C-alpha atoms as a PDB file:
ATOM      1  CA  MET A   1     -19.285  72.775 131.211  1.00  0.00           C
ATOM      2  CA  ASP A   2     -18.238  69.164 131.743  1.00  0.00           C
ATOM      3  CA  GLY A   3     -14.707  68.049 130.863  1.00  0.00           C
ATOM      4  CA  GLY A   4     -14.248  70.845 128.351  1.00  0.00           C
ATOM      5  CA  ILE A   5     -17.347  69.806 126.449  1.00  0.00           C
ATOM      6  CA  GLY A   6     -20.279  72.066 125.521  1.00  0.00           C
ATOM      7  CA  ALA A   7     -23.196  73.030 127.731  1.00  0.00           C
ATOM      8  CA  VAL A   8     -24.932  70.412 129.836  1.00  0.00           C
ATOM      9  CA  SER A   9     -28.396  69.338 128.634  1.00  0.00           C
ATOM     10  CA  LYS A  10     -31.240  68.029 130.768  1.00  0.00           C
ATOM     11  CA  PHE A  11     -29.944  64.512 129.997  1.00  0.00           C
ATOM     12  CA  GLY A  12     -26.312  65.186 130.972  1.00  0.00           C
ATOM     13  CA  MET A  13     -23.423  66.579 129.016  1.00  0.00           C
ATOM     14  CA  ASN A  14     -23.761  68.179 125.592  1.00  0.00           C
ATOM     15  CA  HIS A  15     -22.878  65.676 122.882  1.00  0.00           C
ATOM     16  CA  ASP A  16     -22.977  68.086 119.966  1.00  0.00           C
ATOM     17  CA  THR A  17     -19.260  68.791 120.164  1.00  0.00           C
ATOM     18  CA  TYR A  18     -16.200  67.329 121.873  1.00  0.00           C
ATOM     19  CA  ASP A  19     -12.834  68.845 122.702  1.00  0.00           C
ATOM     20  CA  ASN A  20      -9.858  67.127 121.109  1.00  0.00           C
ATOM     21  CA  SER A  21      -8.486  66.460 124.595  1.00  0.00           C
ATOM     22  CA  TYR A  22     -11.629  64.525 125.577  1.00  0.00           C
ATOM     23  CA  ILE A  23     -11.470  62.289 122.482  1.00  0.00           C
ATOM     24  CA  SER A  24      -7.683  61.821 122.582  1.00  0.00           C
ATOM     25  CA  GLY A  25      -7.855  61.051 126.301  1.00  0.00           C
ATOM     26  CA  ILE A  26     -10.318  58.264 125.604  1.00  0.00           C
ATOM     27  CA  LEU A  27      -8.440  56.826 122.634  1.00  0.00           C
ATOM     28  CA  ASN A  28      -5.153  56.891 124.551  1.00  0.00           C
ATOM     29  CA  ALA A  29      -6.636  55.254 127.657  1.00  0.00           C
ATOM     30  CA  VAL A  30      -8.714  52.377 126.283  1.00  0.00           C
ATOM     31  CA  LYS A  31      -7.106  49.067 125.382  1.00  0.00           C
ATOM     32  CA  THR A  32     -10.066  46.692 124.891  1.00  0.00           C
ATOM     33  CA  ILE A  33     -13.013  47.539 122.642  1.00  0.00           C
ATOM     34  CA  ALA A  34     -16.217  45.555 122.107  1.00  0.00           C
ATOM     35  CA  ILE A  35     -17.864  46.394 118.783  1.00  0.00           C
ATOM     36  CA  VAL A  36     -21.604  45.753 119.028  1.00  0.00           C
ATOM     37  CA  GLY A  37     -22.947  45.126 115.543  1.00  0.00           C
ATOM     38  CA  ALA A  38     -19.618  43.963 114.121  1.00  0.00           C
ATOM     39  CA  SER A  39     -19.962  42.537 110.617  1.00  0.00           C
ATOM     40  CA  ALA A  40     -18.049  39.781 108.824  1.00  0.00           C
ATOM     41  CA  ASN A  41     -18.803  41.560 105.528  1.00  0.00           C
ATOM     42  CA  ASP A  42     -15.582  43.329 104.519  1.00  0.00           C
ATOM     43  CA  VAL A  43     -17.420  46.240 102.862  1.00  0.00           C
ATOM     44  CA  ARG A  44     -19.391  47.153 105.992  1.00  0.00           C
ATOM     45  CA  PRO A  45     -18.129  50.113 108.052  1.00  0.00           C
ATOM     46  CA  SER A  46     -18.043  48.033 111.245  1.00  0.00           C
ATOM     47  CA  PHE A  47     -15.631  45.608 109.545  1.00  0.00           C
ATOM     48  CA  PHE A  48     -13.110  48.207 108.427  1.00  0.00           C
ATOM     49  CA  VAL A  49     -13.373  50.150 111.696  1.00  0.00           C
ATOM     50  CA  ALA A  50     -12.601  46.910 113.582  1.00  0.00           C
ATOM     51  CA  LYS A  51      -9.666  46.219 111.251  1.00  0.00           C
ATOM     52  CA  TYR A  52      -8.305  49.733 111.703  1.00  0.00           C
ATOM     53  CA  LEU A  53      -8.580  49.585 115.504  1.00  0.00           C
ATOM     54  CA  ILE A  54      -6.879  46.170 115.574  1.00  0.00           C
ATOM     55  CA  ASP A  55      -4.093  47.555 113.370  1.00  0.00           C
ATOM     56  CA  LYS A  56      -3.635  50.419 115.865  1.00  0.00           C
ATOM     57  CA  GLY A  57      -3.054  47.965 118.691  1.00  0.00           C
ATOM     58  CA  TYR A  58      -6.472  47.791 120.367  1.00  0.00           C
ATOM     59  CA  GLU A  59      -7.832  44.418 121.473  1.00  0.00           C
ATOM     60  CA  VAL A  60     -11.172  44.170 119.652  1.00  0.00           C
ATOM     61  CA  PHE A  61     -14.064  41.868 120.564  1.00  0.00           C
ATOM     62  CA  PRO A  62     -16.767  41.592 117.867  1.00  0.00           C
ATOM     63  CA  VAL A  63     -20.298  41.255 119.289  1.00  0.00           C
ATOM     64  CA  ASN A  64     -22.999  39.997 116.924  1.00  0.00           C
ATOM     65  CA  PRO A  65     -25.529  37.271 117.843  1.00  0.00           C
ATOM     66  CA  GLY A  66     -25.820  36.182 114.196  1.00  0.00           C
ATOM     67  CA  GLN A  67     -22.057  35.575 113.987  1.00  0.00           C
ATOM     68  CA  ALA A  68     -21.512  34.224 117.534  1.00  0.00           C
ATOM     69  CA  GLY A  69     -18.789  31.582 117.672  1.00  0.00           C
ATOM     70  CA  LYS A  70     -17.474  32.497 114.216  1.00  0.00           C
ATOM     71  CA  GLU A  71     -14.451  34.665 113.565  1.00  0.00           C
ATOM     72  CA  ILE A  72     -14.326  38.237 112.312  1.00  0.00           C
ATOM     73  CA  LEU A  73     -10.795  39.408 111.491  1.00  0.00           C
ATOM     74  CA  GLY A  74      -9.405  36.407 113.355  1.00  0.00           C
ATOM     75  CA  ARG A  75     -11.293  37.270 116.539  1.00  0.00           C
ATOM     76  CA  THR A  76     -14.042  35.142 118.064  1.00  0.00           C
ATOM     77  CA  THR A  77     -17.433  36.830 117.805  1.00  0.00           C
ATOM     78  CA  TYR A  78     -19.588  36.918 120.933  1.00  0.00           C
ATOM     79  CA  VAL A  79     -23.361  36.711 121.303  1.00  0.00           C
ATOM     80  CA  SER A  80     -23.505  39.542 123.853  1.00  0.00           C
ATOM     81  CA  LEU A  81     -21.353  41.934 125.857  1.00  0.00           C
ATOM     82  CA  ALA A  82     -21.712  39.667 128.897  1.00  0.00           C
ATOM     83  CA  ALA A  83     -20.110  36.813 126.921  1.00  0.00           C
ATOM     84  CA  VAL A  84     -16.872  38.736 126.264  1.00  0.00           C
ATOM     85  CA  PRO A  85     -14.241  36.971 128.414  1.00  0.00           C
ATOM     86  CA  LYS A  86     -12.246  40.056 129.462  1.00  0.00           C
ATOM     87  CA  PRO A  87     -13.115  43.425 130.978  1.00  0.00           C
ATOM     88  CA  ILE A  88     -14.113  45.896 128.269  1.00  0.00           C
ATOM     89  CA  ASP A  89     -12.739  49.444 128.318  1.00  0.00           C
ATOM     90  CA  MET A  90     -14.963  50.771 125.526  1.00  0.00           C
ATOM     91  CA  VAL A  91     -18.192  49.643 123.881  1.00  0.00           C
ATOM     92  CA  ASP A  92     -18.513  50.890 120.289  1.00  0.00           C
ATOM     93  CA  ILE A  93     -22.114  50.692 119.065  1.00  0.00           C
ATOM     94  CA  PHE A  94     -22.779  50.007 115.361  1.00  0.00           C
ATOM     95  CA  ARG A  95     -26.553  49.716 115.720  1.00  0.00           C
ATOM     96  CA  GLY A  96     -29.402  52.159 115.162  1.00  0.00           C
ATOM     97  CA  SER A  97     -30.277  54.764 117.776  1.00  0.00           C
ATOM     98  CA  ASP A  98     -33.400  52.799 118.736  1.00  0.00           C
ATOM     99  CA  ALA A  99     -31.198  49.847 119.825  1.00  0.00           C
ATOM    100  CA  VAL A 100     -29.045  51.945 122.175  1.00  0.00           C
ATOM    101  CA  PRO A 101     -31.255  51.716 125.331  1.00  0.00           C
ATOM    102  CA  ALA A 102     -31.207  47.890 125.315  1.00  0.00           C
ATOM    103  CA  ILE A 103     -27.455  47.868 124.659  1.00  0.00           C
ATOM    104  CA  MET A 104     -27.027  50.335 127.522  1.00  0.00           C
ATOM    105  CA  ASP A 105     -28.883  47.870 129.771  1.00  0.00           C
ATOM    106  CA  GLU A 106     -26.233  45.278 128.825  1.00  0.00           C
ATOM    107  CA  VAL A 107     -23.416  47.776 129.402  1.00  0.00           C
ATOM    108  CA  LEU A 108     -24.698  48.756 132.852  1.00  0.00           C
ATOM    109  CA  ALA A 109     -24.936  45.075 133.846  1.00  0.00           C
ATOM    110  CA  LEU A 110     -21.227  44.464 133.146  1.00  0.00           C
ATOM    111  CA  LYS A 111     -18.826  44.042 136.055  1.00  0.00           C
ATOM    112  CA  PRO A 112     -16.568  45.923 135.890  1.00  0.00           C
ATOM    113  CA  LEU A 113     -18.252  48.701 133.945  1.00  0.00           C
ATOM    114  CA  PRO A 114     -16.518  49.884 130.783  1.00  0.00           C
ATOM    115  CA  SER A 115     -15.073  53.380 131.027  1.00  0.00           C
ATOM    116  CA  VAL A 116     -16.533  54.517 127.679  1.00  0.00           C
ATOM    117  CA  VAL A 117     -19.597  53.989 125.497  1.00  0.00           C
ATOM    118  CA  TRP A 118     -19.119  55.265 121.945  1.00  0.00           C
ATOM    119  CA  THR A 119     -21.868  55.388 119.318  1.00  0.00           C
ATOM    120  CA  GLN A 120     -21.077  55.542 115.641  1.00  0.00           C
ATOM    121  CA  LEU A 121     -21.977  58.231 113.113  1.00  0.00           C
ATOM    122  CA  THR A 122     -25.729  59.052 113.104  1.00  0.00           C
ATOM    123  CA  VAL A 123     -26.268  57.020 116.319  1.00  0.00           C
ATOM    124  CA  ARG A 124     -27.467  59.075 119.263  1.00  0.00           C
ATOM    125  CA  HIS A 125     -29.644  58.497 122.314  1.00  0.00           C
ATOM    126  CA  ASP A 126     -29.380  61.240 124.965  1.00  0.00           C
ATOM    127  CA  GLU A 127     -31.397  59.427 127.638  1.00  0.00           C
ATOM    128  CA  ALA A 128     -29.237  56.299 127.378  1.00  0.00           C
ATOM    129  CA  ALA A 129     -26.126  58.498 127.450  1.00  0.00           C
ATOM    130  CA  ALA A 130     -27.334  60.167 130.649  1.00  0.00           C
ATOM    131  CA  ARG A 131     -27.785  56.721 132.256  1.00  0.00           C
ATOM    132  CA  ALA A 132     -24.204  55.820 131.366  1.00  0.00           C
ATOM    133  CA  GLU A 133     -22.854  59.130 132.615  1.00  0.00           C
ATOM    134  CA  ALA A 134     -24.774  58.728 135.898  1.00  0.00           C
ATOM    135  CA  ALA A 135     -22.868  55.438 136.332  1.00  0.00           C
ATOM    136  CA  GLY A 136     -19.529  57.195 135.717  1.00  0.00           C
ATOM    137  CA  ILE A 137     -19.090  56.108 132.087  1.00  0.00           C
ATOM    138  CA  LYS A 138     -17.802  58.602 129.499  1.00  0.00           C
ATOM    139  CA  VAL A 139     -19.934  58.862 126.369  1.00  0.00           C
ATOM    140  CA  VAL A 140     -19.177  59.849 122.781  1.00  0.00           C
ATOM    141  CA  MET A 141     -22.045  59.892 120.285  1.00  0.00           C
ATOM    142  CA  ASN A 142     -22.325  60.371 116.537  1.00  0.00           C
ATOM    143  CA  ARG A 143     -18.590  59.946 115.991  1.00  0.00           C
ATOM    144  CA  CYS A 144     -16.323  57.231 114.607  1.00  0.00           C
ATOM    145  CA  PRO A 145     -13.217  56.207 116.579  1.00  0.00           C
ATOM    146  CA  LYS A 146     -11.414  55.366 113.315  1.00  0.00           C
ATOM    147  CA  ILE A 147     -12.015  58.864 111.941  1.00  0.00           C
ATOM    148  CA  GLU A 148     -11.178  60.533 115.253  1.00  0.00           C
ATOM    149  CA  TYR A 149      -7.974  58.503 115.678  1.00  0.00           C
ATOM    150  CA  ALA A 150      -6.856  59.329 112.141  1.00  0.00           C
ATOM    151  CA  ARG A 151      -7.734  63.000 112.576  1.00  0.00           C
ATOM    152  CA  LEU A 152      -5.977  63.383 115.936  1.00  0.00           C
ATOM    153  CA  SER A 153      -2.885  61.402 114.911  1.00  0.00           C
ATOM    154  CA  GLY A 154      -2.436  63.528 111.795  1.00  0.00           C
ATOM    155  CA  GLU A 155      -3.020  60.634 109.386  1.00  0.00           C
ATOM    156  CA  ILE A 156      -5.944  62.387 107.724  1.00  0.00           C
ATOM    157  CA  GLY A 157      -3.954  65.613 107.364  1.00  0.00           C
ATOM    158  CA  TRP A 158      -1.118  63.740 105.656  1.00  0.00           C
ATOM    159  CA  ASN A 159      -3.631  62.697 103.015  1.00  0.00           C
ATOM    160  CA  GLY A 160      -4.536  66.306 102.217  1.00  0.00           C
ATOM    161  CA  ILE A 161      -7.729  66.434 104.248  1.00  0.00           C
ATOM    162  CA  ASN A 162      -8.397  69.196 106.763  1.00  0.00           C
ATOM    163  CA  SER A 163      -8.169  67.417 110.112  1.00  0.00           C
ATOM    164  CA  LYS A 164      -8.585  70.650 112.127  1.00  0.00           C
ATOM    165  CA  VAL A 165      -5.263  69.767 113.781  1.00  0.00           C
ATOM    166  CA  ILE A 166      -2.585  72.166 112.579  1.00  0.00           C
ATOM    167  CA  SER A 167       1.100  71.566 113.102  1.00  0.00           C
ATOM    168  CA  SER A 168       4.287  72.257 111.179  1.00  0.00           C
ATOM    169  CA  LYS A 169       5.892  69.215 112.791  1.00  0.00           C
ATOM    170  CA  LYS A 170       5.909  65.789 111.208  1.00  0.00           C
ATOM    171  CA  PRO A 171       4.144  63.316 113.552  1.00  0.00           C
ATOM    172  CA  LYS A 172       6.391  61.102 115.689  1.00  0.00           C
ATOM    173  CA  LEU A 173       6.148  57.418 114.892  1.00  0.00           C
ATOM    174  CA  ARG A 174       4.788  55.599 117.938  1.00  0.00           C
ATOM    175  CA  ALA A 175       4.185  51.979 118.853  1.00  0.00           C
ATOM    176  CA  GLY A 176       1.596  50.088 116.832  1.00  0.00           C
ATOM    177  CA  TYR A 177       1.064  48.993 113.289  1.00  0.00           C
ATOM    178  CA  GLN A 178       1.727  51.966 110.971  1.00  0.00           C
ATOM    179  CA  SER A 179       0.597  54.258 113.746  1.00  0.00           C
ATOM    180  CA  PHE A 180       1.636  57.793 114.507  1.00  0.00           C
ATOM    181  CA  GLY A 181      -0.353  57.533 117.744  1.00  0.00           C
ATOM    182  CA  ILE A 182      -2.621  60.164 119.166  1.00  0.00           C
ATOM    183  CA  VAL A 183      -1.012  63.262 120.540  1.00  0.00           C
ATOM    184  CA  GLN A 184      -2.421  64.267 123.918  1.00  0.00           C
ATOM    185  CA  ARG A 185      -3.481  67.930 123.630  1.00  0.00           C
END
């Protein structure tokens, strides 16, 4: 078992399930997030995930070669991860699974390395994940940080959806835009 996560596969840790403490630890620790595949189209999931993360206080850097130099949600869009002007804590990948190995090449070339690579729902590449983990990078696959943040902060539960986080206590309001914050478990 690695970090409270399921069994280790031949490629590294098991990415079929994650403990709440692993996810909340990541979301509490990261401050800067590069979103690879960010879209300027306000009905695309990458757009509203970026907006949500910005609203929660994260510094978001959109990465999309087709939008490079333009703004998405008031943030300059970059052609590549290497073009982002600040160190990146987390890379959130909004591209297909087949694009992950090339993106991982970009990630592993960054100095300093990000602490986390996160792939969105349906996006998974175990071999690329193992490369990241071998370099000391935490990996989350087939999950959405917006959904996980909302679930772990209790926001989803307040809307009548089973968040799998049970508490009789009303969440404490924390710093950030309309944010209850993530409770470390």
